[in-house]
């Protein structure tokens, strides 16, 4: 599997903080509470740097399609009890999780890929488990729209992202029988963190 992120990995987190400050990190951590004893499935977690503050509480699995990002995550979260897996997540019968983190990953996937992933998650989550989604939603002003178009173009060229638009996360999740329980907004609603349950 070609690692399209290898070029970006060394400075990805610094670039993100330069553009967005701590807002993306806050979206990825605002619902991270009572993790002790929880088994977490993290899909597309990048370099894991934003999770360092509670790394000793993390247990479960960490999936990444980028080998370079996964290696960074292993180094950044070496004191966790996560197992690190390279590739696209697939459910395994004997493995069940309390919650699944989808942080800034669904916006890179086509709708049919999101639906397929949600099917794998359904087979991997406890009946009372939750999805913790954090991602970009529709831009709220001209500056955000310009920056968003630039981001999409950049990622389509540099890391071969397939999408040219934002998925309608809520429509897709609702169609797959998930219910939204909580939401917090960042960057005037351009970024949202949400909790979804079956």
Protein backbone atom coordinates (compact mmCIF):
# COMPACT_ATOMS: atom_id res chain seq x y z
CA UNK A 1 0.00 0.00 0.00
CA UNK A 2 1.49 3.32 -1.07
CA UNK A 3 1.90 5.81 1.76
CA UNK A 4 0.56 9.07 0.34
CA UNK A 5 1.15 10.84 3.66
CA UNK A 6 4.88 10.17 3.96
CA UNK A 7 5.71 13.62 2.59
CA UNK A 8 3.36 15.37 5.06
CA UNK A 9 3.97 13.35 8.22
CA UNK A 10 7.04 15.24 9.55
CA UNK A 11 5.23 18.61 9.67
CA UNK A 12 1.50 17.75 9.46
CA UNK A 13 0.68 18.54 13.10
CA UNK A 14 2.63 21.82 13.08
CA UNK A 15 0.92 22.89 9.85
CA UNK A 16 -2.49 22.10 11.33
CA UNK A 17 -1.78 24.15 14.46
CA UNK A 18 -0.44 27.03 12.38
CA UNK A 19 -3.71 27.24 10.43
CA UNK A 20 -6.27 26.25 13.09
CA UNK A 21 -4.55 26.76 16.43
CA UNK A 22 -5.80 24.26 19.03
CA UNK A 23 -9.34 24.05 17.62
CA UNK A 24 -8.95 20.68 15.86
CA UNK A 25 -7.25 19.19 18.91
CA UNK A 26 -10.10 20.45 21.11
CA UNK A 27 -12.66 18.90 18.76
CA UNK A 28 -10.80 15.58 18.99
CA UNK A 29 -10.61 15.58 22.78
CA UNK A 30 -13.72 17.38 24.07
CA UNK A 31 -15.70 14.16 24.53
CA UNK A 32 -12.73 12.06 25.71
CA UNK A 33 -13.77 11.37 29.27
CA UNK A 34 -13.93 8.40 31.65
CA UNK A 35 -11.57 6.40 29.44
CA UNK A 36 -10.28 4.16 32.22
CA UNK A 37 -11.57 0.66 31.58
CA UNK A 38 -12.88 1.58 28.13
CA UNK A 39 -11.79 -0.19 24.97
CA UNK A 40 -11.43 2.37 22.18
CA UNK A 41 -11.17 1.86 18.43
CA UNK A 42 -9.37 4.79 16.76
CA UNK A 43 -9.62 4.86 12.95
CA UNK A 44 -7.45 7.29 11.02
CA UNK A 45 -5.90 8.85 14.09
CA UNK A 46 -2.92 10.33 12.26
CA UNK A 47 0.22 10.87 14.33
CA UNK A 48 -1.63 10.56 17.67
CA UNK A 49 -0.02 13.70 19.09
CA UNK A 50 -3.35 15.24 20.15
CA UNK A 51 -4.09 12.20 22.35
CA UNK A 52 -0.90 12.37 24.38
CA UNK A 53 -2.53 14.15 27.32
CA UNK A 54 -4.47 10.98 28.22
CA UNK A 55 -2.28 8.35 26.54
CA UNK A 56 -1.94 6.27 29.72
CA UNK A 57 -5.74 5.80 29.75
CA UNK A 58 -6.00 4.56 26.16
CA UNK A 59 -6.59 0.87 25.46
CA UNK A 60 -7.86 -0.79 22.30
CA UNK A 61 -6.79 -0.53 18.67
CA UNK A 62 -5.38 2.25 16.49
CA UNK A 63 -5.82 1.88 12.73
CA UNK A 64 -4.04 3.96 10.07
CA UNK A 65 -3.58 3.54 6.31
CA UNK A 66 -0.36 5.58 6.41
CA UNK A 67 2.70 3.68 7.63
CA UNK A 68 4.56 6.91 8.45
CA UNK A 69 1.63 8.30 10.48
CA UNK A 70 1.23 4.98 12.28
CA UNK A 71 4.91 4.93 13.25
CA UNK A 72 4.56 8.46 14.64
CA UNK A 73 1.46 7.43 16.58
CA UNK A 74 3.28 4.42 18.08
CA UNK A 75 6.06 6.73 19.28
CA UNK A 76 3.69 9.42 20.58
CA UNK A 77 1.43 6.92 22.37
CA UNK A 78 3.99 4.33 23.46
CA UNK A 79 2.75 4.50 27.07
CA UNK A 80 -0.79 3.57 26.02
CA UNK A 81 -2.26 0.05 25.86
CA UNK A 82 -3.20 0.40 22.21
CA UNK A 83 -2.28 -2.08 19.51
CA UNK A 84 -1.35 -0.36 16.24
CA UNK A 85 -2.65 -1.75 12.95
CA UNK A 86 -1.78 -0.72 9.39
CA UNK A 87 -4.54 -0.85 6.78
CA UNK A 88 -8.29 -0.43 6.45
CA UNK A 89 -10.30 -1.45 9.50
CA UNK A 90 -12.18 -4.73 9.35
CA UNK A 91 -14.31 -6.18 12.15
CA UNK A 92 -13.11 -9.30 13.93
CA UNK A 93 -15.68 -11.45 15.76
CA UNK A 94 -13.86 -11.67 19.06
CA UNK A 95 -13.11 -7.93 19.29
CA UNK A 96 -15.74 -5.52 20.63
CA UNK A 97 -15.20 -1.85 21.54
CA UNK A 98 -16.89 0.61 23.89
CA UNK A 99 -16.42 3.51 21.51
CA UNK A 100 -15.07 4.33 18.06
CA UNK A 101 -13.23 7.56 17.23
CA UNK A 102 -13.62 8.92 13.70
CA UNK A 103 -11.59 12.12 13.84
CA UNK A 104 -11.07 13.94 10.55
CA UNK A 105 -11.21 10.74 8.53
CA UNK A 106 -14.70 10.51 7.00
CA UNK A 107 -14.12 13.66 4.96
CA UNK A 108 -11.49 11.71 2.99
CA UNK A 109 -13.91 8.88 2.07
CA UNK A 110 -16.60 8.43 -0.57
CA UNK A 111 -20.17 7.95 0.68
CA UNK A 112 -20.21 4.23 -0.13
CA UNK A 113 -16.93 3.77 1.75
CA UNK A 114 -18.39 5.53 4.80
CA UNK A 115 -21.46 3.27 4.71
CA UNK A 116 -19.24 0.19 4.43
CA UNK A 117 -17.10 1.37 7.36
CA UNK A 118 -20.21 1.98 9.48
CA UNK A 119 -21.21 -1.62 8.80
CA UNK A 120 -17.85 -2.83 10.09
CA UNK A 121 -18.22 -0.59 13.14
CA UNK A 122 -21.72 -1.92 13.84
CA UNK A 123 -20.21 -5.40 14.06
CA UNK A 124 -17.47 -4.17 16.41
CA UNK A 125 -19.23 -1.97 18.95
CA UNK A 126 -21.11 -2.83 22.13
CA UNK A 127 -24.90 -2.28 22.07
CA UNK A 128 -24.49 0.79 24.31
CA UNK A 129 -21.30 1.96 22.57
CA UNK A 130 -20.82 5.25 20.78
CA UNK A 131 -19.15 6.83 17.77
CA UNK A 132 -17.19 9.99 18.50
CA UNK A 133 -17.10 11.95 15.24
CA UNK A 134 -15.02 15.11 14.74
CA UNK A 135 -14.71 16.67 11.31
CA UNK A 136 -15.16 19.63 8.99
CA UNK A 137 -18.72 20.58 8.11
CA UNK A 138 -19.98 23.27 5.72
CA UNK A 139 -17.86 26.47 5.88
CA UNK A 140 -19.65 29.42 7.47
CA UNK A 141 -18.15 32.43 5.68
CA UNK A 142 -16.16 33.47 2.61
CA UNK A 143 -12.77 33.06 4.31
CA UNK A 144 -13.63 29.54 5.45
CA UNK A 145 -14.99 28.64 2.00
CA UNK A 146 -11.77 29.83 0.35
CA UNK A 147 -9.59 27.96 2.83
CA UNK A 148 -11.70 24.85 2.52
CA UNK A 149 -11.42 24.83 -1.29
CA UNK A 150 -7.66 25.24 -0.95
CA UNK A 151 -7.45 22.37 1.54
CA UNK A 152 -9.46 20.03 -0.67
CA UNK A 153 -7.33 20.87 -3.70
CA UNK A 154 -4.12 20.44 -1.72
CA UNK A 155 -5.10 17.03 -0.32
CA UNK A 156 -6.42 15.79 -3.67
CA UNK A 157 -3.06 16.63 -5.28
CA UNK A 158 -0.64 15.71 -2.48
CA UNK A 159 -2.26 12.71 -0.79
CA UNK A 160 -4.70 11.55 -3.47
CA UNK A 161 -7.94 12.24 -1.56
CA UNK A 162 -10.95 11.13 -3.57
CA UNK A 163 -13.51 13.66 -2.37
CA UNK A 164 -14.13 17.10 -3.79
CA UNK A 165 -16.89 17.92 -1.30
CA UNK A 166 -17.88 17.38 2.34
CA UNK A 167 -19.92 14.24 3.07
CA UNK A 168 -23.37 14.71 4.57
CA UNK A 169 -22.31 12.85 7.73
CA UNK A 170 -25.64 13.27 9.48
CA UNK A 171 -27.73 12.00 6.55
CA UNK A 172 -25.47 8.97 6.18
CA UNK A 173 -25.41 8.14 9.90
CA UNK A 174 -29.18 8.57 10.24
CA UNK A 175 -29.74 6.31 7.22
CA UNK A 176 -27.68 3.64 9.00
CA UNK A 177 -29.84 3.94 12.16
CA UNK A 178 -27.45 5.96 14.31
CA UNK A 179 -28.78 8.73 16.58
CA UNK A 180 -26.92 11.91 17.51
CA UNK A 181 -26.77 12.48 21.28
CA UNK A 182 -24.31 15.37 21.72
CA UNK A 183 -22.61 18.08 19.69
CA UNK A 184 -20.03 20.83 20.20
CA UNK A 185 -19.05 23.42 17.60
CA UNK A 186 -15.63 24.90 16.83
CA UNK A 187 -14.53 27.58 14.35
CA UNK A 188 -18.10 28.97 14.28
CA UNK A 189 -19.53 25.56 13.36
CA UNK A 190 -17.12 24.78 10.52
CA UNK A 191 -15.79 21.99 12.73
CA UNK A 192 -18.08 19.90 14.91
CA UNK A 193 -17.61 17.12 17.45
CA UNK A 194 -20.55 14.75 17.79
CA UNK A 195 -21.55 11.62 19.68
CA UNK A 196 -23.65 9.02 17.86
CA UNK A 197 -25.27 5.86 19.23
CA UNK A 198 -27.27 3.03 17.72
